[in-house]
Amino acid sequence: MDKNYLHRMISEFLVEDVGRGDQTSESIFSEHDMGSARLVAQNSFTVAGAEAVAAEVFKVQNPQVIAVDGVADGTVAMPGTILLTVNGPVVDLLKAERVALNLLQRLSGIATVTAQFIEKTKVYPVRITDTRKTTPGLRLLEKYAVRVGGGYNHRFDLSDGVLINNNHIAACGSITRAVEMVRLRIPHTIKIEVQTESMAQVEESLACGVDIVLLENMSPEMMTQSVRLINGRALVEASGGITLENVEAVAMSGVDIISAGALTHPGFGCNIVMDWSF
């Protein structure tokens, strides 16, 4: 992760949360009052960002803050696990507290859900990937958390690759025409992926020589038929409506990649508190 980019993000988050200053803490503590706090897990989850992100929040707020004993990414925390200990000026620790907790809880939630998807599909030769369905402004961090959980990243942004979807196909009139138009403009190093919703579209994509066929909202049975038809002539990605309940059935179809928007908007709750010492 690019630390300079991360620090710019954190600075913006702190400006949003602190505003013109912490009127409460600055009224009670002086800039010379020192303290320490521990970030403590309240339930079990896969940790993402204790040392790489949360610790950096405190350091961006004040470089004098010392962060120690950060739990490694990918560790499964139990209730009571100390995830990170920070020492420094109390006012700065308090100013950074909420941003650090918010980020650590969200990233750990994403890593936890991703790890659950990986566990469901571990016996199959398939990659679990994220999508662009991320929180605006948090994509770098949320995709980082997916990797911590054992998943892979899909496109980071629209410039990372070509994905011809139903809107493009409708505008061009056919998959064939859309692929032709794209090939005229993109570098030869860029792969072409096409979203398909029927066997006829799969066949047309193969006739165009695309690199990746995306099976969108297909049943596992239809995916299995599509994989047999493609027969190694292109990578096969499954997407649309992927959940923990159906991901194993999708993996059984033989696809190479499963992309799930659910990874980056998880309902899993990671509860973390700050245990203070003044």
C-alpha atoms as a PDB file:
ATOM      1  CA  MET A   1       0.000   0.000   0.000  1.00  0.00           C
ATOM      2  CA  ASP A   2       1.302   3.462  -0.951  1.00  0.00           C
ATOM      3  CA  LYS A   3       1.927   5.098   2.428  1.00  0.00           C
ATOM      4  CA  ASN A   4       1.948   8.643   1.035  1.00  0.00           C
ATOM      5  CA  TYR A   5      -1.476   8.091  -0.537  1.00  0.00           C
ATOM      6  CA  LEU A   6      -2.708   6.483   2.670  1.00  0.00           C
ATOM      7  CA  HIS A   7      -1.540   9.437   4.741  1.00  0.00           C
ATOM      8  CA  ARG A   8      -3.347  11.879   2.450  1.00  0.00           C
ATOM      9  CA  MET A   9      -6.544   9.886   2.874  1.00  0.00           C
ATOM     10  CA  ILE A  10      -6.177   9.726   6.642  1.00  0.00           C
ATOM     11  CA  SER A  11      -5.503  13.456   6.833  1.00  0.00           C
ATOM     12  CA  GLU A  12      -8.801  14.110   5.058  1.00  0.00           C
ATOM     13  CA  PHE A  13     -10.644  11.723   7.367  1.00  0.00           C
ATOM     14  CA  LEU A  14      -9.207  13.471  10.422  1.00  0.00           C
ATOM     15  CA  VAL A  15     -10.158  16.905   9.102  1.00  0.00           C
ATOM     16  CA  GLU A  16     -13.705  15.643   8.610  1.00  0.00           C
ATOM     17  CA  ASP A  17     -13.971  14.218  12.126  1.00  0.00           C
ATOM     18  CA  VAL A  18     -11.976  16.741  14.182  1.00  0.00           C
ATOM     19  CA  GLY A  19     -13.157  19.873  12.393  1.00  0.00           C
ATOM     20  CA  ARG A  20     -11.736  23.005  14.020  1.00  0.00           C
ATOM     21  CA  GLY A  21     -10.699  21.032  17.120  1.00  0.00           C
ATOM     22  CA  ASP A  22     -11.900  18.743  19.873  1.00  0.00           C
ATOM     23  CA  GLN A  23     -13.561  21.245  22.165  1.00  0.00           C
ATOM     24  CA  THR A  24     -14.281  18.675  24.850  1.00  0.00           C
ATOM     25  CA  SER A  25     -10.850  17.049  25.124  1.00  0.00           C
ATOM     26  CA  GLU A  26      -8.955  20.314  24.691  1.00  0.00           C
ATOM     27  CA  SER A  27     -10.931  21.769  27.598  1.00  0.00           C
ATOM     28  CA  ILE A  28     -10.033  18.900  29.916  1.00  0.00           C
ATOM     29  CA  PHE A  29      -6.466  17.931  28.920  1.00  0.00           C
ATOM     30  CA  SER A  30      -3.399  20.013  28.212  1.00  0.00           C
ATOM     31  CA  GLU A  31      -1.071  19.280  25.311  1.00  0.00           C
ATOM     32  CA  HIS A  32       1.419  17.890  27.841  1.00  0.00           C
ATOM     33  CA  ASP A  33      -0.936  15.267  29.351  1.00  0.00           C
ATOM     34  CA  MET A  34       0.179  11.818  28.245  1.00  0.00           C
ATOM     35  CA  GLY A  35      -1.813   8.612  28.140  1.00  0.00           C
ATOM     36  CA  SER A  36      -2.121   5.222  26.527  1.00  0.00           C
ATOM     37  CA  ALA A  37      -4.911   3.139  25.105  1.00  0.00           C
ATOM     38  CA  ARG A  38      -5.409  -0.368  23.809  1.00  0.00           C
ATOM     39  CA  LEU A  39      -7.687  -1.326  20.948  1.00  0.00           C
ATOM     40  CA  VAL A  40      -9.468  -4.453  22.167  1.00  0.00           C
ATOM     41  CA  ALA A  41     -11.583  -6.911  20.155  1.00  0.00           C
ATOM     42  CA  GLN A  42     -15.044  -7.564  21.550  1.00  0.00           C
ATOM     43  CA  ASN A  43     -15.870 -10.510  19.281  1.00  0.00           C
ATOM     44  CA  SER A  44     -14.108 -12.915  16.940  1.00  0.00           C
ATOM     45  CA  PHE A  45     -13.057 -11.734  13.456  1.00  0.00           C
ATOM     46  CA  THR A  46     -10.209 -11.641  10.938  1.00  0.00           C
ATOM     47  CA  VAL A  47      -8.036  -8.600  11.592  1.00  0.00           C
ATOM     48  CA  ALA A  48      -7.199  -6.200   8.765  1.00  0.00           C
ATOM     49  CA  GLY A  49      -5.406  -2.904   9.217  1.00  0.00           C
ATOM     50  CA  ALA A  50      -4.406  -2.770  12.876  1.00  0.00           C
ATOM     51  CA  GLU A  51      -0.780  -1.947  12.195  1.00  0.00           C
ATOM     52  CA  ALA A  52      -0.987  -0.852   8.556  1.00  0.00           C
ATOM     53  CA  VAL A  53      -3.942   1.534   8.931  1.00  0.00           C
ATOM     54  CA  ALA A  54      -5.145   2.183  12.491  1.00  0.00           C
ATOM     55  CA  ALA A  55      -1.634   2.813  13.801  1.00  0.00           C
ATOM     56  CA  GLU A  56      -1.034   5.230  10.935  1.00  0.00           C
ATOM     57  CA  VAL A  57      -4.123   7.243  11.883  1.00  0.00           C
ATOM     58  CA  PHE A  58      -2.624   8.019  15.288  1.00  0.00           C
ATOM     59  CA  LYS A  59       0.765   8.815  13.749  1.00  0.00           C
ATOM     60  CA  VAL A  60      -0.733  11.162  11.169  1.00  0.00           C
ATOM     61  CA  GLN A  61      -2.564  12.973  13.956  1.00  0.00           C
ATOM     62  CA  ASN A  62       0.708  13.339  15.855  1.00  0.00           C
ATOM     63  CA  PRO A  63       4.026  11.776  14.795  1.00  0.00           C
ATOM     64  CA  GLN A  64       5.020  11.644  18.467  1.00  0.00           C
ATOM     65  CA  VAL A  65       2.437   8.936  19.117  1.00  0.00           C
ATOM     66  CA  ILE A  66       4.035   5.515  19.590  1.00  0.00           C
ATOM     67  CA  ALA A  67       2.039   2.531  18.335  1.00  0.00           C
ATOM     68  CA  VAL A  68       3.173  -0.944  19.399  1.00  0.00           C
ATOM     69  CA  ASP A  69       2.055  -4.584  19.444  1.00  0.00           C
ATOM     70  CA  GLY A  70      -0.086  -4.342  16.318  1.00  0.00           C
ATOM     71  CA  VAL A  71      -1.737  -7.663  15.517  1.00  0.00           C
ATOM     72  CA  ALA A  72      -0.725  -9.006  12.102  1.00  0.00           C
ATOM     73  CA  ASP A  73      -3.180  -8.840   9.228  1.00  0.00           C
ATOM     74  CA  GLY A  74      -5.048 -12.089   8.728  1.00  0.00           C
ATOM     75  CA  THR A  75      -4.946 -13.035  12.409  1.00  0.00           C
ATOM     76  CA  VAL A  76      -8.234 -14.331  13.790  1.00  0.00           C
ATOM     77  CA  ALA A  77      -8.846 -12.246  16.886  1.00  0.00           C
ATOM     78  CA  MET A  78     -10.729 -13.630  19.868  1.00  0.00           C
ATOM     79  CA  PRO A  79     -12.771 -11.513  22.308  1.00  0.00           C
ATOM     80  CA  GLY A  80     -10.291  -9.660  24.511  1.00  0.00           C
ATOM     81  CA  THR A  81      -7.452  -9.688  21.979  1.00  0.00           C
ATOM     82  CA  ILE A  82      -5.388  -6.495  22.163  1.00  0.00           C
ATOM     83  CA  LEU A  83      -5.091  -5.383  18.547  1.00  0.00           C
ATOM     84  CA  LEU A  84      -2.887  -2.316  19.048  1.00  0.00           C
ATOM     85  CA  THR A  85      -1.482  -0.196  21.873  1.00  0.00           C
ATOM     86  CA  VAL A  86      -0.897   3.544  21.433  1.00  0.00           C
ATOM     87  CA  ASN A  87       0.947   5.951  23.694  1.00  0.00           C
ATOM     88  CA  GLY A  88       1.154   9.731  23.401  1.00  0.00           C
ATOM     89  CA  PRO A  89      -0.570  13.050  24.105  1.00  0.00           C
ATOM     90  CA  VAL A  90      -4.094  12.274  25.296  1.00  0.00           C
ATOM     91  CA  VAL A  91      -5.682  14.993  23.184  1.00  0.00           C
ATOM     92  CA  ASP A  92      -4.208  13.553  19.985  1.00  0.00           C
ATOM     93  CA  LEU A  93      -5.149   9.993  20.889  1.00  0.00           C
ATOM     94  CA  LEU A  94      -8.731  11.118  21.440  1.00  0.00           C
ATOM     95  CA  LYS A  95      -8.816  13.036  18.174  1.00  0.00           C
ATOM     96  CA  ALA A  96      -7.656   9.987  16.223  1.00  0.00           C
ATOM     97  CA  GLU A  97      -9.701   7.396  18.109  1.00  0.00           C
ATOM     98  CA  ARG A  98     -12.913   7.357  16.082  1.00  0.00           C
ATOM     99  CA  VAL A  99     -11.257   7.393  12.652  1.00  0.00           C
ATOM    100  CA  ALA A 100      -8.920   4.570  13.680  1.00  0.00           C
ATOM    101  CA  LEU A 101     -11.764   2.453  15.064  1.00  0.00           C
ATOM    102  CA  ASN A 102     -14.049   3.094  12.101  1.00  0.00           C
ATOM    103  CA  LEU A 103     -11.409   2.025   9.596  1.00  0.00           C
ATOM    104  CA  LEU A 104     -10.194  -0.978  11.562  1.00  0.00           C
ATOM    105  CA  GLN A 105     -13.729  -2.259  12.136  1.00  0.00           C
ATOM    106  CA  ARG A 106     -14.763  -1.866   8.498  1.00  0.00           C
ATOM    107  CA  LEU A 107     -11.607  -3.404   7.057  1.00  0.00           C
ATOM    108  CA  SER A 108     -11.724  -6.296   9.489  1.00  0.00           C
ATOM    109  CA  GLY A 109     -15.371  -6.878   8.556  1.00  0.00           C
ATOM    110  CA  ILE A 110     -14.434  -7.102   4.884  1.00  0.00           C
ATOM    111  CA  ALA A 111     -11.505  -9.429   5.607  1.00  0.00           C
ATOM    112  CA  THR A 112     -13.746 -11.619   7.765  1.00  0.00           C
ATOM    113  CA  VAL A 113     -16.458 -11.984   5.122  1.00  0.00           C
ATOM    114  CA  THR A 114     -13.840 -12.612   2.423  1.00  0.00           C
ATOM    115  CA  ALA A 115     -12.267 -15.354   4.551  1.00  0.00           C
ATOM    116  CA  GLN A 116     -15.706 -16.963   4.885  1.00  0.00           C
ATOM    117  CA  PHE A 117     -16.097 -16.991   1.087  1.00  0.00           C
ATOM    118  CA  ILE A 118     -12.618 -18.505   0.748  1.00  0.00           C
ATOM    119  CA  GLU A 119     -13.441 -21.206   3.285  1.00  0.00           C
ATOM    120  CA  LYS A 120     -16.578 -22.160   1.336  1.00  0.00           C
ATOM    121  CA  THR A 121     -14.637 -22.606  -1.921  1.00  0.00           C
ATOM    122  CA  LYS A 122     -11.198 -23.746  -0.760  1.00  0.00           C
ATOM    123  CA  VAL A 123     -11.414 -27.183  -2.416  1.00  0.00           C
ATOM    124  CA  TYR A 124     -12.132 -25.688  -5.849  1.00  0.00           C
ATOM    125  CA  PRO A 125      -9.601 -24.122  -8.277  1.00  0.00           C
ATOM    126  CA  VAL A 126     -11.350 -20.749  -8.278  1.00  0.00           C
ATOM    127  CA  ARG A 127     -10.442 -17.190  -7.311  1.00  0.00           C
ATOM    128  CA  ILE A 128     -12.745 -15.063  -5.191  1.00  0.00           C
ATOM    129  CA  THR A 129     -12.495 -11.412  -6.237  1.00  0.00           C
ATOM    130  CA  ASP A 130     -14.060  -8.111  -5.256  1.00  0.00           C
ATOM    131  CA  THR A 131     -15.831  -5.643  -7.565  1.00  0.00           C
ATOM    132  CA  ARG A 132     -15.999  -1.848  -7.935  1.00  0.00           C
ATOM    133  CA  LYS A 133     -18.914  -1.804  -5.471  1.00  0.00           C
ATOM    134  CA  THR A 134     -16.834  -0.068  -2.832  1.00  0.00           C
ATOM    135  CA  THR A 135     -17.389   2.920  -0.564  1.00  0.00           C
ATOM    136  CA  PRO A 136     -16.377   6.111  -2.418  1.00  0.00           C
ATOM    137  CA  GLY A 137     -13.018   7.245  -1.076  1.00  0.00           C
ATOM    138  CA  LEU A 138     -12.270   3.900   0.583  1.00  0.00           C
ATOM    139  CA  ARG A 139     -11.590   1.679  -2.435  1.00  0.00           C
ATOM    140  CA  LEU A 140      -7.845   1.356  -1.794  1.00  0.00           C
ATOM    141  CA  LEU A 141      -8.439   0.241   1.776  1.00  0.00           C
ATOM    142  CA  GLU A 142     -11.413  -2.001   1.096  1.00  0.00           C
ATOM    143  CA  LYS A 143      -9.620  -3.845  -1.692  1.00  0.00           C
ATOM    144  CA  TYR A 144      -6.626  -4.169   0.627  1.00  0.00           C
ATOM    145  CA  ALA A 145      -8.897  -5.838   3.192  1.00  0.00           C
ATOM    146  CA  VAL A 146     -10.130  -8.305   0.562  1.00  0.00           C
ATOM    147  CA  ARG A 147      -6.532  -9.398  -0.023  1.00  0.00           C
ATOM    148  CA  VAL A 148      -6.001  -9.773   3.719  1.00  0.00           C
ATOM    149  CA  GLY A 149      -9.006 -12.100   3.805  1.00  0.00           C
ATOM    150  CA  GLY A 150      -7.470 -14.275   1.085  1.00  0.00           C
ATOM    151  CA  GLY A 151      -9.325 -12.867  -1.917  1.00  0.00           C
ATOM    152  CA  TYR A 152      -8.120 -11.135  -5.061  1.00  0.00           C
ATOM    153  CA  ASN A 153      -8.789  -7.742  -6.593  1.00  0.00           C
ATOM    154  CA  HIS A 154     -10.782  -7.161  -9.772  1.00  0.00           C
ATOM    155  CA  ARG A 155     -10.367  -3.851 -11.613  1.00  0.00           C
ATOM    156  CA  PHE A 156      -9.316  -0.997  -9.348  1.00  0.00           C
ATOM    157  CA  ASP A 157     -10.911   1.523 -11.698  1.00  0.00           C
ATOM    158  CA  LEU A 158     -12.356   1.749 -15.207  1.00  0.00           C
ATOM    159  CA  SER A 159      -8.924   2.225 -16.766  1.00  0.00           C
ATOM    160  CA  ASP A 160      -7.678  -1.150 -15.563  1.00  0.00           C
ATOM    161  CA  GLY A 161      -9.378  -3.202 -18.237  1.00  0.00           C
ATOM    162  CA  VAL A 162     -12.237  -3.590 -20.693  1.00  0.00           C
ATOM    163  CA  LEU A 163     -15.557  -4.971 -19.488  1.00  0.00           C
ATOM    164  CA  ILE A 164     -18.289  -4.774 -22.109  1.00  0.00           C
ATOM    165  CA  ASN A 165     -21.626  -4.953 -20.311  1.00  0.00           C
ATOM    166  CA  ASN A 166     -25.257  -4.974 -21.392  1.00  0.00           C
ATOM    167  CA  ASN A 167     -25.345  -1.183 -21.760  1.00  0.00           C
ATOM    168  CA  HIS A 168     -22.428  -1.217 -24.187  1.00  0.00           C
ATOM    169  CA  ILE A 169     -23.943  -4.131 -26.098  1.00  0.00           C
ATOM    170  CA  ALA A 170     -27.317  -2.377 -26.371  1.00  0.00           C
ATOM    171  CA  ALA A 171     -25.676   0.839 -27.590  1.00  0.00           C
ATOM    172  CA  CYS A 172     -23.611  -0.989 -30.239  1.00  0.00           C
ATOM    173  CA  GLY A 173     -26.316  -3.411 -31.310  1.00  0.00           C
ATOM    174  CA  SER A 174     -24.316  -6.580 -30.680  1.00  0.00           C
ATOM    175  CA  ILE A 175     -21.406  -8.063 -28.796  1.00  0.00           C
ATOM    176  CA  THR A 176     -19.533  -8.413 -32.068  1.00  0.00           C
ATOM    177  CA  ARG A 177     -19.794  -4.723 -32.891  1.00  0.00           C
ATOM    178  CA  ALA A 178     -18.854  -3.681 -29.332  1.00  0.00           C
ATOM    179  CA  VAL A 179     -15.740  -5.867 -29.405  1.00  0.00           C
ATOM    180  CA  GLU A 180     -14.769  -4.508 -32.828  1.00  0.00           C
ATOM    181  CA  MET A 181     -15.056  -0.901 -31.644  1.00  0.00           C
ATOM    182  CA  VAL A 182     -13.042  -1.572 -28.502  1.00  0.00           C
ATOM    183  CA  ARG A 183     -10.277  -3.383 -30.390  1.00  0.00           C
ATOM    184  CA  LEU A 184      -9.792  -0.358 -32.627  1.00  0.00           C
ATOM    185  CA  ARG A 185      -8.959   1.841 -29.654  1.00  0.00           C
ATOM    186  CA  ILE A 186      -7.280  -0.115 -26.856  1.00  0.00           C
ATOM    187  CA  PRO A 187      -3.637  -1.221 -26.581  1.00  0.00           C
ATOM    188  CA  HIS A 188      -2.944  -4.827 -27.521  1.00  0.00           C
ATOM    189  CA  THR A 189      -1.885  -5.493 -23.926  1.00  0.00           C
ATOM    190  CA  ILE A 190      -5.413  -4.962 -22.551  1.00  0.00           C
ATOM    191  CA  LYS A 191      -7.699  -7.979 -22.154  1.00  0.00           C
ATOM    192  CA  ILE A 192     -11.318  -7.852 -23.248  1.00  0.00           C
ATOM    193  CA  GLU A 193     -14.085  -9.193 -21.016  1.00  0.00           C
ATOM    194  CA  VAL A 194     -17.741  -9.457 -22.053  1.00  0.00           C
ATOM    195  CA  GLN A 195     -20.777  -9.793 -19.816  1.00  0.00           C
ATOM    196  CA  THR A 196     -23.155 -12.515 -20.994  1.00  0.00           C
ATOM    197  CA  GLU A 197     -26.617 -13.538 -19.847  1.00  0.00           C
ATOM    198  CA  SER A 198     -27.429 -16.366 -22.280  1.00  0.00           C
ATOM    199  CA  MET A 199     -25.774 -19.247 -24.081  1.00  0.00           C
ATOM    200  CA  ALA A 200     -26.164 -17.361 -27.353  1.00  0.00           C
ATOM    201  CA  GLN A 201     -24.160 -14.452 -25.941  1.00  0.00           C
ATOM    202  CA  VAL A 202     -21.496 -16.861 -24.689  1.00  0.00           C
ATOM    203  CA  GLU A 203     -21.209 -18.329 -28.187  1.00  0.00           C
ATOM    204  CA  GLU A 204     -20.993 -14.866 -29.775  1.00  0.00           C
ATOM    205  CA  SER A 205     -18.285 -13.815 -27.312  1.00  0.00           C
ATOM    206  CA  LEU A 206     -16.238 -16.888 -28.151  1.00  0.00           C
ATOM    207  CA  ALA A 207     -16.611 -16.188 -31.859  1.00  0.00           C
ATOM    208  CA  CYS A 208     -15.141 -12.733 -31.193  1.00  0.00           C
ATOM    209  CA  GLY A 209     -12.125 -14.247 -29.436  1.00  0.00           C
ATOM    210  CA  VAL A 210     -12.615 -12.407 -26.148  1.00  0.00           C
ATOM    211  CA  ASP A 211     -10.268 -13.118 -23.257  1.00  0.00           C
ATOM    212  CA  ILE A 212     -12.799 -13.400 -20.435  1.00  0.00           C
ATOM    213  CA  VAL A 213     -16.461 -14.382 -20.495  1.00  0.00           C
ATOM    214  CA  LEU A 214     -18.498 -13.028 -17.592  1.00  0.00           C
ATOM    215  CA  LEU A 215     -21.519 -15.155 -16.702  1.00  0.00           C
ATOM    216  CA  GLU A 216     -23.975 -12.688 -15.183  1.00  0.00           C
ATOM    217  CA  ASN A 217     -26.806 -13.867 -12.903  1.00  0.00           C
ATOM    218  CA  MET A 218     -26.815 -17.371 -14.346  1.00  0.00           C
ATOM    219  CA  SER A 219     -27.942 -20.427 -12.429  1.00  0.00           C
ATOM    220  CA  PRO A 220     -25.218 -22.884 -11.421  1.00  0.00           C
ATOM    221  CA  GLU A 221     -26.611 -25.330 -13.989  1.00  0.00           C
ATOM    222  CA  MET A 222     -26.364 -22.772 -16.792  1.00  0.00           C
ATOM    223  CA  MET A 223     -22.863 -21.842 -15.631  1.00  0.00           C
ATOM    224  CA  THR A 224     -21.841 -25.496 -15.892  1.00  0.00           C
ATOM    225  CA  GLN A 225     -23.148 -25.644 -19.467  1.00  0.00           C
ATOM    226  CA  SER A 226     -21.301 -22.414 -20.310  1.00  0.00           C
ATOM    227  CA  VAL A 227     -18.012 -23.687 -18.859  1.00  0.00           C
ATOM    228  CA  ARG A 228     -18.319 -26.834 -21.003  1.00  0.00           C
ATOM    229  CA  LEU A 229     -19.029 -24.752 -24.091  1.00  0.00           C
ATOM    230  CA  ILE A 230     -16.110 -22.398 -23.464  1.00  0.00           C
ATOM    231  CA  ASN A 231     -13.827 -25.382 -22.821  1.00  0.00           C
ATOM    232  CA  GLY A 232     -10.734 -23.370 -21.913  1.00  0.00           C
ATOM    233  CA  ARG A 233     -10.966 -20.938 -24.824  1.00  0.00           C
ATOM    234  CA  ALA A 234     -11.382 -18.019 -22.399  1.00  0.00           C
ATOM    235  CA  LEU A 235     -11.302 -17.388 -18.682  1.00  0.00           C
ATOM    236  CA  VAL A 236     -14.747 -17.722 -17.105  1.00  0.00           C
ATOM    237  CA  GLU A 237     -15.991 -15.336 -14.440  1.00  0.00           C
ATOM    238  CA  ALA A 238     -19.249 -15.676 -12.508  1.00  0.00           C
ATOM    239  CA  SER A 239     -20.933 -12.619 -11.031  1.00  0.00           C
ATOM    240  CA  GLY A 240     -24.289 -11.348  -9.870  1.00  0.00           C
ATOM    241  CA  GLY A 241     -26.123 -12.385  -6.718  1.00  0.00           C
ATOM    242  CA  ILE A 242     -23.150 -14.242  -5.227  1.00  0.00           C
ATOM    243  CA  THR A 243     -23.702 -15.024  -1.540  1.00  0.00           C
ATOM    244  CA  LEU A 244     -22.179 -17.250   1.111  1.00  0.00           C
ATOM    245  CA  GLU A 245     -25.150 -19.550   0.634  1.00  0.00           C
ATOM    246  CA  ASN A 246     -24.636 -20.143  -3.101  1.00  0.00           C
ATOM    247  CA  VAL A 247     -20.921 -19.517  -3.677  1.00  0.00           C
ATOM    248  CA  GLU A 248     -19.962 -23.187  -3.331  1.00  0.00           C
ATOM    249  CA  ALA A 249     -22.526 -24.219  -5.954  1.00  0.00           C
ATOM    250  CA  VAL A 250     -21.107 -21.552  -8.263  1.00  0.00           C
ATOM    251  CA  ALA A 251     -17.565 -22.805  -7.667  1.00  0.00           C
ATOM    252  CA  MET A 252     -18.685 -26.363  -8.487  1.00  0.00           C
ATOM    253  CA  SER A 253     -19.693 -25.196 -11.989  1.00  0.00           C
ATOM    254  CA  GLY A 254     -16.012 -24.939 -12.931  1.00  0.00           C
ATOM    255  CA  VAL A 255     -15.665 -21.179 -13.363  1.00  0.00           C
ATOM    256  CA  ASP A 256     -12.222 -19.658 -12.910  1.00  0.00           C
ATOM    257  CA  ILE A 257     -13.245 -16.491 -11.059  1.00  0.00           C
ATOM    258  CA  ILE A 258     -16.138 -15.529  -8.799  1.00  0.00           C
ATOM    259  CA  SER A 259     -16.602 -11.793  -8.239  1.00  0.00           C
ATOM    260  CA  ALA A 260     -18.815 -10.760  -5.337  1.00  0.00           C
ATOM    261  CA  GLY A 261     -19.881  -7.253  -4.416  1.00  0.00           C
ATOM    262  CA  ALA A 262     -20.888  -8.657  -1.020  1.00  0.00           C
ATOM    263  CA  LEU A 263     -17.220  -8.722   0.026  1.00  0.00           C
ATOM    264  CA  THR A 264     -16.967  -4.947   0.304  1.00  0.00           C
ATOM    265  CA  HIS A 265     -20.326  -4.182   1.879  1.00  0.00           C
ATOM    266  CA  PRO A 266     -20.470  -6.820   4.594  1.00  0.00           C
ATOM    267  CA  GLY A 267     -23.054  -7.070   7.317  1.00  0.00           C
ATOM    268  CA  PHE A 268     -20.519  -8.677   9.642  1.00  0.00           C
ATOM    269  CA  GLY A 269     -19.952  -6.577  12.740  1.00  0.00           C
ATOM    270  CA  CYS A 270     -16.477  -6.228  14.219  1.00  0.00           C
ATOM    271  CA  ASN A 271     -16.710  -4.659  17.641  1.00  0.00           C
ATOM    272  CA  ILE A 272     -13.571  -2.933  18.940  1.00  0.00           C
ATOM    273  CA  VAL A 273     -13.228  -0.623  21.929  1.00  0.00           C
ATOM    274  CA  MET A 274     -10.485   1.644  23.274  1.00  0.00           C
ATOM    275  CA  ASP A 275      -9.319   0.652  26.754  1.00  0.00           C
ATOM    276  CA  TRP A 276      -7.776   3.799  28.240  1.00  0.00           C
ATOM    277  CA  SER A 277      -5.059   4.506  30.807  1.00  0.00           C
ATOM    278  CA  PHE A 278      -4.547   8.116  31.894  1.00  0.00           C
END
